[in-house]
Protein backbone atom coordinates (compact mmCIF):
# COMPACT_ATOMS: atom_id res chain seq x y z
CA UNK A 1 79.48 92.76 62.90
CA UNK A 2 82.63 90.74 63.82
CA UNK A 3 82.96 91.03 67.60
CA UNK A 4 86.76 90.31 67.44
CA UNK A 5 87.17 93.24 65.20
CA UNK A 6 85.25 95.51 67.65
CA UNK A 7 87.30 94.33 70.51
CA UNK A 8 90.63 94.89 68.57
CA UNK A 9 89.36 98.40 67.74
CA UNK A 10 88.51 99.20 71.19
CA UNK A 11 92.05 97.95 72.39
CA UNK A 12 93.69 100.05 69.61
CA UNK A 13 91.83 103.15 70.78
CA UNK A 14 92.91 102.52 74.37
CA UNK A 15 96.51 101.89 73.53
CA UNK A 16 96.61 105.01 71.27
CA UNK A 17 95.15 107.09 74.06
CA UNK A 18 97.70 105.78 76.49
CA UNK A 19 100.63 106.47 74.07
CA UNK A 20 99.36 109.94 73.43
CA UNK A 21 99.20 110.68 77.20
CA UNK A 22 102.67 109.46 77.54
CA UNK A 23 103.88 111.68 74.70
CA UNK A 24 101.90 114.68 75.83
CA UNK A 25 101.42 114.49 79.53
CA UNK A 26 99.22 116.72 81.37
CA UNK A 27 101.08 119.62 82.94
CA UNK A 28 98.86 119.84 86.04
CA UNK A 29 99.59 117.33 88.77
CA UNK A 30 96.24 115.70 89.54
CA UNK A 31 94.94 115.00 93.03
CA UNK A 32 92.82 112.10 94.52
CA UNK A 33 89.65 114.08 94.10
CA UNK A 34 90.05 114.03 90.32
CA UNK A 35 90.56 110.23 90.45
CA UNK A 36 87.59 109.71 92.53
CA UNK A 37 85.46 111.64 90.04
CA UNK A 38 86.96 109.52 87.24
CA UNK A 39 86.08 106.34 89.12
CA UNK A 40 82.45 107.38 89.65
CA UNK A 41 82.31 108.08 85.83
CA UNK A 42 83.63 104.81 85.08
CA UNK A 43 81.09 103.03 87.30
CA UNK A 44 78.22 105.01 85.70
CA UNK A 45 79.41 104.14 82.22
CA UNK A 46 77.33 101.78 80.11
CA UNK A 47 79.19 101.27 76.86
CA UNK A 48 82.24 99.07 76.55
CA UNK A 49 84.20 101.44 74.37
CA UNK A 50 83.64 104.27 76.77
CA UNK A 51 84.35 102.19 79.71
CA UNK A 52 87.70 101.08 78.29
CA UNK A 53 88.60 104.71 77.69
CA UNK A 54 87.52 105.91 81.14
CA UNK A 55 89.41 102.94 82.71
CA UNK A 56 92.49 103.95 80.98
CA UNK A 57 92.08 107.64 81.93
CA UNK A 58 91.48 106.74 85.65
CA UNK A 59 94.56 104.50 85.79
CA UNK A 60 96.69 107.43 84.15
CA UNK A 61 95.58 109.69 86.89
CA UNK A 62 96.50 107.14 89.60
CA UNK A 63 100.07 106.70 88.13
CA UNK A 64 100.53 110.41 88.39
CA UNK A 65 99.53 110.80 92.05
CA UNK A 66 101.97 111.45 94.76
CA UNK A 67 102.39 108.98 97.70
CA UNK A 68 100.18 111.26 100.01
CA UNK A 69 97.55 111.59 97.19
CA UNK A 70 97.45 107.80 96.73
CA UNK A 71 97.04 107.26 100.44
CA UNK A 72 94.13 109.67 100.44
CA UNK A 73 92.57 107.87 97.38
CA UNK A 74 92.71 104.61 99.28
CA UNK A 75 91.00 106.21 102.27
CA UNK A 76 88.18 107.48 99.95
CA UNK A 77 87.85 104.00 98.49
CA UNK A 78 87.05 102.59 101.92
CA UNK A 79 84.12 105.04 102.50
CA UNK A 80 82.83 106.00 99.02
CA UNK A 81 83.06 102.66 97.39
CA UNK A 82 81.90 100.33 100.08
CA UNK A 83 78.69 98.26 100.08
CA UNK A 84 75.74 100.38 100.87
CA UNK A 85 73.89 99.41 104.12
CA UNK A 86 70.29 100.26 102.79
CA UNK A 87 70.32 97.68 99.89
CA UNK A 88 71.96 95.11 102.23
CA UNK A 89 69.16 95.44 104.91
CA UNK A 90 66.50 95.25 102.33
CA UNK A 91 68.09 92.30 100.61
CA UNK A 92 68.53 90.60 104.10
CA UNK A 93 64.78 91.20 104.93
CA UNK A 94 63.75 89.75 101.56
CA UNK A 95 65.89 86.56 102.29
CA UNK A 96 64.42 86.16 105.73
CA UNK A 97 61.00 86.05 104.19
CA UNK A 98 61.61 83.76 101.30
CA UNK A 99 64.87 81.95 101.84
CA UNK A 100 65.33 80.83 98.20
CA UNK A 101 68.33 80.99 95.94
CA UNK A 102 67.19 84.15 94.11
CA UNK A 103 66.84 86.22 97.22
CA UNK A 104 70.20 84.79 98.43
CA UNK A 105 71.89 85.91 95.27
CA UNK A 106 70.38 89.38 95.53
CA UNK A 107 71.76 89.41 99.13
CA UNK A 108 75.22 88.39 97.82
CA UNK A 109 75.16 91.23 95.31
CA UNK A 110 74.16 93.80 97.86
CA UNK A 111 76.92 92.86 100.17
CA UNK A 112 79.69 93.13 97.58
CA UNK A 113 81.63 96.41 97.95
CA UNK A 114 81.38 98.81 95.00
CA UNK A 115 85.21 98.63 94.92
CA UNK A 116 85.12 95.25 93.42
CA UNK A 117 83.12 96.39 90.45
CA UNK A 118 85.31 99.42 90.10
CA UNK A 119 88.53 97.13 89.94
CA UNK A 120 86.81 94.88 87.42
CA UNK A 121 86.18 97.89 85.19
CA UNK A 122 89.70 99.42 85.65
CA UNK A 123 90.82 95.98 84.44
CA UNK A 124 89.24 96.71 81.05
CA UNK A 125 92.22 99.15 80.26
CA UNK A 126 95.21 98.08 78.37
CA UNK A 127 97.73 96.80 80.85
CA UNK A 128 94.91 97.24 83.49
CA UNK A 129 95.72 93.92 85.25
CA UNK A 130 99.41 94.69 85.82
CA UNK A 131 98.43 98.33 86.91
CA UNK A 132 96.10 96.89 89.50
CA UNK A 133 98.87 94.61 90.74
CA UNK A 134 101.12 97.63 91.15
CA UNK A 135 98.16 99.55 92.88
CA UNK A 136 97.88 96.80 95.44
CA UNK A 137 101.74 96.94 95.99
CA UNK A 138 101.23 100.56 96.89
CA UNK A 139 98.39 99.59 99.20
CA UNK A 140 100.43 96.87 101.08
CA UNK A 141 103.15 99.45 101.86
CA UNK A 142 100.32 101.38 103.72
CA UNK A 143 98.71 98.68 105.73
CA UNK A 144 100.94 98.54 108.72
CA UNK A 145 100.40 102.30 109.48
CA UNK A 146 96.73 102.29 108.06
CA UNK A 147 95.16 98.99 109.06
CA UNK A 148 91.77 100.40 108.23
CA UNK A 149 92.65 99.85 104.62
CA UNK A 150 92.61 96.16 105.03
CA UNK A 151 89.22 95.77 103.48
CA UNK A 152 90.55 97.11 100.23
CA UNK A 153 93.29 94.48 100.26
CA UNK A 154 90.56 91.89 100.96
CA UNK A 155 88.99 92.97 97.74
CA UNK A 156 92.11 92.87 95.73
CA UNK A 157 92.94 89.30 97.12
CA UNK A 158 89.48 88.16 96.33
CA UNK A 159 89.66 89.18 92.64
CA UNK A 160 93.36 88.18 92.10
CA UNK A 161 92.53 84.84 93.39
CA UNK A 162 90.22 84.21 90.41
CA UNK A 163 92.28 86.29 87.90
CA UNK A 164 95.51 84.42 88.60
CA UNK A 165 94.14 80.98 89.22
CA UNK A 166 96.13 77.94 87.72
CA UNK A 167 94.12 77.78 84.60
CA UNK A 168 95.60 81.22 83.44
CA UNK A 169 99.21 80.52 84.22
CA UNK A 170 101.70 79.71 81.50
CA UNK A 171 104.97 77.73 82.35
CA UNK A 172 107.95 78.74 80.25
CA UNK A 173 111.47 77.48 80.29
CA UNK A 174 114.04 80.29 80.86
CA UNK A 175 117.33 79.88 79.17
CA UNK A 176 120.07 81.95 77.47
CA UNK A 177 117.94 82.32 74.29
CA UNK A 178 115.11 83.88 76.33
CA UNK A 179 114.52 87.59 75.32
CA UNK A 180 116.78 89.90 77.16
CA UNK A 181 113.86 92.00 78.44
CA UNK A 182 112.85 88.86 80.51
CA UNK A 183 116.43 87.99 81.52
CA UNK A 184 116.83 91.50 83.00
CA UNK A 185 113.74 90.89 85.08
CA UNK A 186 115.20 87.55 86.25
CA UNK A 187 118.34 89.36 87.51
CA UNK A 188 116.33 92.00 89.19
CA UNK A 189 113.74 89.73 90.75
CA UNK A 190 116.07 87.12 92.17
CA UNK A 191 115.39 87.20 95.81
CA UNK A 192 117.20 84.16 97.32
CA UNK A 193 120.74 84.28 95.91
CA UNK A 194 121.55 87.57 94.24
CA UNK A 195 122.68 87.28 90.61
CA UNK A 196 125.87 89.50 90.44
CA UNK A 197 125.98 90.17 86.67
CA UNK A 198 125.28 88.69 83.17
CA UNK A 199 128.04 86.18 83.45
CA UNK A 200 126.49 84.88 86.81
CA UNK A 201 123.12 84.71 84.98
CA UNK A 202 124.68 82.69 82.07
CA UNK A 203 126.27 80.30 84.48
CA UNK A 204 122.87 79.59 86.09
CA UNK A 205 120.98 79.24 82.73
CA UNK A 206 123.38 78.06 80.17
CA UNK A 207 125.11 74.97 81.83
CA UNK A 208 123.88 71.58 80.84
CA UNK A 209 123.02 70.85 84.55
CA UNK A 210 120.81 73.93 85.02
CA UNK A 211 117.16 74.51 84.39
CA UNK A 212 114.98 77.59 85.19
CA UNK A 213 111.31 77.78 84.76
CA UNK A 214 108.73 80.73 85.27
CA UNK A 215 105.10 81.33 85.43
CA UNK A 216 103.61 84.04 83.29
CA UNK A 217 100.06 85.47 82.90
CA UNK A 218 98.63 86.40 79.50
CA UNK A 219 97.31 89.81 80.83
CA UNK A 220 100.70 91.11 82.03
CA UNK A 221 102.98 89.98 79.09
CA UNK A 222 106.65 89.40 79.86
CA UNK A 223 106.42 90.10 83.54
CA UNK A 224 107.24 86.80 85.34
CA UNK A 225 105.04 85.97 88.30
CA UNK A 226 107.43 83.50 90.06
CA UNK A 227 110.41 81.50 88.84
CA UNK A 228 112.48 78.53 90.16
CA UNK A 229 116.20 77.68 89.51
CA UNK A 230 117.16 74.02 89.33
CA UNK A 231 120.52 72.25 89.53
CA UNK A 232 120.84 68.75 88.27
CA UNK A 233 122.83 66.68 90.68
CA UNK A 234 124.13 63.27 91.76
CA UNK A 235 122.85 62.76 95.39
CA UNK A 236 121.28 65.43 97.37
CA UNK A 237 123.30 68.72 97.48
CA UNK A 238 124.26 70.07 100.95
CA UNK A 239 126.06 73.28 99.97
CA UNK A 240 124.92 76.31 97.86
CA UNK A 241 128.42 77.82 97.13
CA UNK A 242 129.44 75.13 94.46
CA UNK A 243 126.02 75.48 92.77
CA UNK A 244 126.30 79.28 92.54
CA UNK A 245 129.95 79.23 91.39
CA UNK A 246 129.18 76.77 88.62
CA UNK A 247 131.57 74.16 89.95
CA UNK A 248 128.94 71.49 90.46
CA UNK A 249 129.35 70.06 87.06
CA UNK A 250 132.99 69.27 87.88
CA UNK A 251 132.65 68.19 91.54
CA UNK A 252 132.55 64.47 92.63
CA UNK A 253 128.75 64.76 92.97
CA UNK A 254 128.19 66.92 89.94
CA UNK A 255 127.50 65.81 86.44
CA UNK A 256 128.78 66.27 82.91
CA UNK A 257 125.69 64.93 81.14
CA UNK A 258 122.13 65.71 82.38
CA UNK A 259 121.25 62.00 81.90
CA UNK A 260 123.73 61.15 84.64
CA UNK A 261 121.73 63.03 87.26
CA UNK A 262 119.49 61.31 89.75
CA UNK A 263 118.43 64.61 91.62
CA UNK A 264 116.82 67.77 90.69
CA UNK A 265 117.63 70.44 93.29
CA UNK A 266 115.47 73.55 93.61
CA UNK A 267 117.87 76.02 94.96
CA UNK A 268 116.06 79.41 94.38
CA UNK A 269 112.38 80.22 94.20
CA UNK A 270 111.51 83.97 93.73
CA UNK A 271 108.14 85.70 93.87
CA UNK A 272 108.40 88.55 91.36
CA UNK A 273 105.39 90.78 91.97
CA UNK A 274 104.77 92.24 95.41
CA UNK A 275 101.29 93.15 94.56
CA UNK A 276 100.47 89.40 94.31
CA UNK A 277 101.49 88.69 97.81
CA UNK A 278 99.34 85.85 99.23
CA UNK A 279 98.36 84.43 95.90
CA UNK A 280 99.79 80.91 95.76
CA UNK A 281 101.90 80.25 92.75
CA UNK A 282 104.83 78.26 94.23
CA UNK A 283 102.84 75.02 94.85
CA UNK A 284 101.69 74.82 91.34
CA UNK A 285 105.08 75.80 89.96
CA UNK A 286 107.07 73.07 91.77
CA UNK A 287 104.55 70.35 90.90
CA UNK A 288 104.43 71.36 87.23
CA UNK A 289 108.30 71.71 87.06
CA UNK A 290 108.57 68.19 88.64
CA UNK A 291 106.38 66.89 85.84
CA UNK A 292 108.31 68.74 83.08
CA UNK A 293 111.69 67.35 84.36
CA UNK A 294 110.35 63.93 84.86
CA UNK A 295 109.32 63.78 81.21
CA UNK A 296 112.64 65.16 80.00
CA UNK A 297 114.91 63.17 82.43
CA UNK A 298 112.97 59.99 83.49
CA UNK A 299 115.84 58.61 85.38
CA UNK A 300 115.55 61.32 88.09
CA UNK A 301 114.80 59.85 91.42
CA UNK A 302 114.88 62.77 93.89
CA UNK A 303 113.16 66.20 93.74
CA UNK A 304 114.58 68.20 96.59
CA UNK A 305 115.14 71.82 97.63
CA UNK A 306 118.26 73.48 98.97
CA UNK A 307 116.54 76.16 101.09
CA UNK A 308 117.60 78.97 103.33
CA UNK A 309 116.45 79.29 106.92
CA UNK A 310 115.57 83.03 107.26
CA UNK A 311 114.95 84.08 110.88
CA UNK A 312 116.91 81.21 112.50
CA UNK A 313 119.86 83.36 113.56
CA UNK A 314 117.48 85.75 115.32
CA UNK A 315 115.79 82.88 117.09
CA UNK A 316 119.22 81.64 118.03
CA UNK A 317 120.08 84.95 119.55
CA UNK A 318 116.80 84.75 121.70
CA UNK A 319 118.00 81.36 122.94
CA UNK A 320 121.43 82.72 123.79
CA UNK A 321 119.61 85.35 125.98
CA UNK A 322 117.30 82.78 127.68
CA UNK A 323 118.39 82.24 131.15
CA UNK A 324 116.17 79.18 131.54
CA UNK A 325 118.57 77.29 129.19
CA UNK A 326 121.68 75.55 130.71
CA UNK A 327 124.74 77.79 131.05
CA UNK A 328 126.77 75.34 129.04
CA UNK A 329 124.51 75.64 126.00
CA UNK A 330 124.33 79.37 126.05
CA UNK A 331 128.03 79.46 126.44
CA UNK A 332 128.55 77.29 123.37
CA UNK A 333 126.09 79.59 121.39
CA UNK A 334 128.09 82.68 122.33
CA UNK A 335 130.93 81.18 120.07
CA UNK A 336 128.82 82.64 117.14
CA UNK A 337 130.07 86.08 118.17
CA UNK A 338 133.52 85.25 117.28
CA UNK A 339 134.41 86.44 113.76
CA UNK A 340 135.54 83.61 111.43
CA UNK A 341 134.21 80.87 113.93
CA UNK A 342 133.61 78.44 111.11
CA UNK A 343 137.40 78.45 110.43
CA UNK A 344 138.33 77.25 113.84
CA UNK A 345 137.84 73.48 113.80
CA UNK A 346 137.31 73.12 117.56
CA UNK A 347 134.79 75.99 117.85
CA UNK A 348 133.07 74.89 114.75
CA UNK A 349 132.36 71.25 116.00
CA UNK A 350 131.27 72.69 119.35
CA UNK A 351 128.69 74.92 117.56
CA UNK A 352 127.64 72.18 115.18
CA UNK A 353 126.82 69.91 118.20
CA UNK A 354 124.51 72.52 119.54
CA UNK A 355 123.08 74.19 116.44
CA UNK A 356 121.93 71.47 114.30
CA UNK A 357 119.60 70.00 117.07
CA UNK A 358 118.28 73.39 117.84
CA UNK A 359 117.64 73.96 114.10
CA UNK A 360 115.58 70.73 114.11
CA UNK A 361 113.59 72.04 117.31
CA UNK A 362 113.13 75.36 115.54
CA UNK A 363 111.76 73.86 112.23
CA UNK A 364 109.72 71.09 113.80
CA UNK A 365 108.36 72.37 117.06
CA UNK A 366 108.47 76.20 117.09
CA UNK A 367 104.99 77.68 116.01
CA UNK A 368 103.51 80.94 115.25
CA UNK A 369 100.19 82.31 116.68
CA UNK A 370 98.23 80.14 114.01
CA UNK A 371 99.91 76.86 115.22
CA UNK A 372 102.02 76.67 112.13
CA UNK A 373 105.89 76.38 111.81
CA UNK A 374 107.51 79.67 112.79
CA UNK A 375 109.84 79.69 109.68
CA UNK A 376 108.16 80.99 106.45
CA UNK A 377 110.22 78.74 104.03
CA UNK A 378 109.11 75.76 106.10
CA UNK A 379 105.52 76.69 106.02
CA UNK A 380 105.73 76.97 102.17
CA UNK A 381 107.32 73.61 101.38
CA UNK A 382 105.61 71.66 104.18
CA UNK A 383 102.19 73.10 102.92
CA UNK A 384 103.15 71.89 99.46
CA UNK A 385 103.52 68.40 100.82
CA UNK A 386 107.35 68.17 101.17
CA UNK A 387 109.30 66.36 103.94
CA UNK A 388 111.97 68.22 106.04
CA UNK A 389 114.63 65.80 105.15
CA UNK A 390 118.09 67.13 106.12
CA UNK A 391 119.66 70.05 108.08
CA UNK A 392 123.01 70.94 106.33
CA UNK A 393 125.79 72.34 108.41
CA UNK A 394 127.60 75.25 106.70
CA UNK A 395 125.41 74.96 103.72
CA UNK A 396 125.73 78.63 103.03
CA UNK A 397 129.04 80.30 104.14
CA UNK A 398 128.27 83.72 102.55
CA UNK A 399 127.75 86.71 104.71
CA UNK A 400 123.96 86.52 104.24
CA UNK A 401 124.01 82.88 105.06
CA UNK A 402 125.65 83.54 108.29
CA UNK A 403 123.52 86.48 109.08
CA UNK A 404 120.13 84.87 108.46
CA UNK A 405 120.70 81.21 109.56
CA UNK A 406 124.31 80.74 111.13
CA UNK A 407 125.27 79.20 107.77
CA UNK A 408 122.60 76.55 107.87
CA UNK A 409 120.59 75.25 104.78
CA UNK A 410 117.87 72.66 104.68
CA UNK A 411 116.74 70.07 102.12
CA UNK A 412 112.87 69.61 101.68
CA UNK A 413 112.25 66.35 99.95
CA UNK A 414 109.25 65.98 97.52
CA UNK A 415 108.40 62.34 97.32
CA UNK A 416 105.68 62.08 94.69
CA UNK A 417 103.72 59.27 96.44
CA UNK A 418 103.69 61.16 99.70
CA UNK A 419 102.89 64.67 98.55
CA UNK A 420 99.15 64.54 99.00
CA UNK A 421 99.25 62.68 102.27
CA UNK A 422 101.83 65.22 103.70
CA UNK A 423 99.83 68.10 102.52
CA UNK A 424 96.59 66.80 104.03
CA UNK A 425 98.16 66.09 107.43
CA UNK A 426 99.92 69.48 107.44
CA UNK A 427 96.56 71.32 106.55
CA UNK A 428 94.42 69.31 109.03
CA UNK A 429 96.70 68.88 111.92
CA UNK A 430 99.86 71.26 111.11
CA UNK A 431 101.90 67.93 111.13
CA UNK A 432 105.46 68.53 110.20
CA UNK A 433 106.64 65.57 107.94
CA UNK A 434 110.21 64.91 108.60
CA UNK A 435 112.93 62.31 108.17
CA UNK A 436 114.19 60.10 111.05
CA UNK A 437 117.53 62.01 111.15
CA UNK A 438 115.65 65.35 111.74
CA UNK A 439 113.34 63.69 114.26
CA UNK A 440 116.41 62.42 116.20
CA UNK A 441 118.00 65.95 116.16
CA UNK A 442 114.85 67.39 117.74
CA UNK A 443 114.93 65.03 120.48
CA UNK A 444 118.57 65.78 121.07
CA UNK A 445 117.55 69.52 121.34
CA UNK A 446 115.15 68.54 124.09
CA UNK A 447 117.99 66.84 125.99
CA UNK A 448 120.32 69.87 125.48
CA UNK A 449 117.61 72.15 126.99
CA UNK A 450 117.58 70.03 129.98
CA UNK A 451 121.22 69.92 130.44
CA UNK A 452 121.70 66.50 129.50
CA UNK A 453 124.60 65.28 127.45
CA UNK A 454 123.96 63.79 124.03
CA UNK A 455 125.83 61.50 121.73
């Protein structure tokens, strides 16, 4: 019998079952006990058709659980669906005696938590992959208060790392002709520079000097995983407001014809699915978009970001309160407390002389407990092989820009011939690749910290 026909038949049965449940929902609210029983039945199932139906049924129960019941279900997952000690001990003893590949494989199988097989079977349901992504999103919200659930998150991360690897991702150009259902999601998921309305979206997508690309996965349909917004430019952009307002095409450094551009500026990269946190898409996305743009516009010389610096303002506040720093420097930084300081030329110049060097120190020298840059955006781009190229004073003069970074923005430059070397140095030695300009600013910050004057 034709196996494709059978698969389509199973899928149609599952989809029809899900549709009937939506039209005729159960009147009794389920609890986590019912879901645990459904999961046990799913693991005991032998047939593909019955497994698909049972998986669909289990996911439908999960969707109707209250927040407290979901928490109880995750607690049961840690205990009832963990690896069993008896088989692990037996497999380990067998491996100690023989130490061959076959006994090692049996040990691996014994060590795998039953949760992983449960998730694989739940994935058989129609929309099962996306429902599991949303399930992990619920789990992540609980981890801070219930760290004992971390083992479940490890299982999700292990499986998602395979299910969402680069081979399954599909790159699509997003423009004004993209279906409205996807455009609505682009508006909702934009995390860097909020899209105000449909007119704002059209300015970002429909202008000749704009591009937008997104990764999709065949198992979750029109739900984007991550997308990047690009502005074509002459020279490296230093300010975000002209780009967001749509004025860049008419500014001195803007363009009227895409073929006049020499720079592709990535000004917004947004992850769309919280449940896929920690699964790396951005590095693949940027590298593939660089390839796409290079083919479309071979005259492009520079691939650069115009990136925010989240957390920098908070770090600056800590410096203002650090009594070990010179009084003159702390006094200068207190100018940030004056409303509209950036419109006062004298105060703005004083702050610029102090903050740009401190920003270089923050991005190049301040590290987290893993010895990596403190700033998350820096970790992302440096880990992808970019160079910290330029610190842009008053690059973002929006309320958000001042609140998170005292108005600063940063250019990370992707030099195609240097990407692999930068990535390897960062991975092996946490080396921050940066321009001479940024390196000079960091040296100036060290002098400021000692109370020395700088030029």
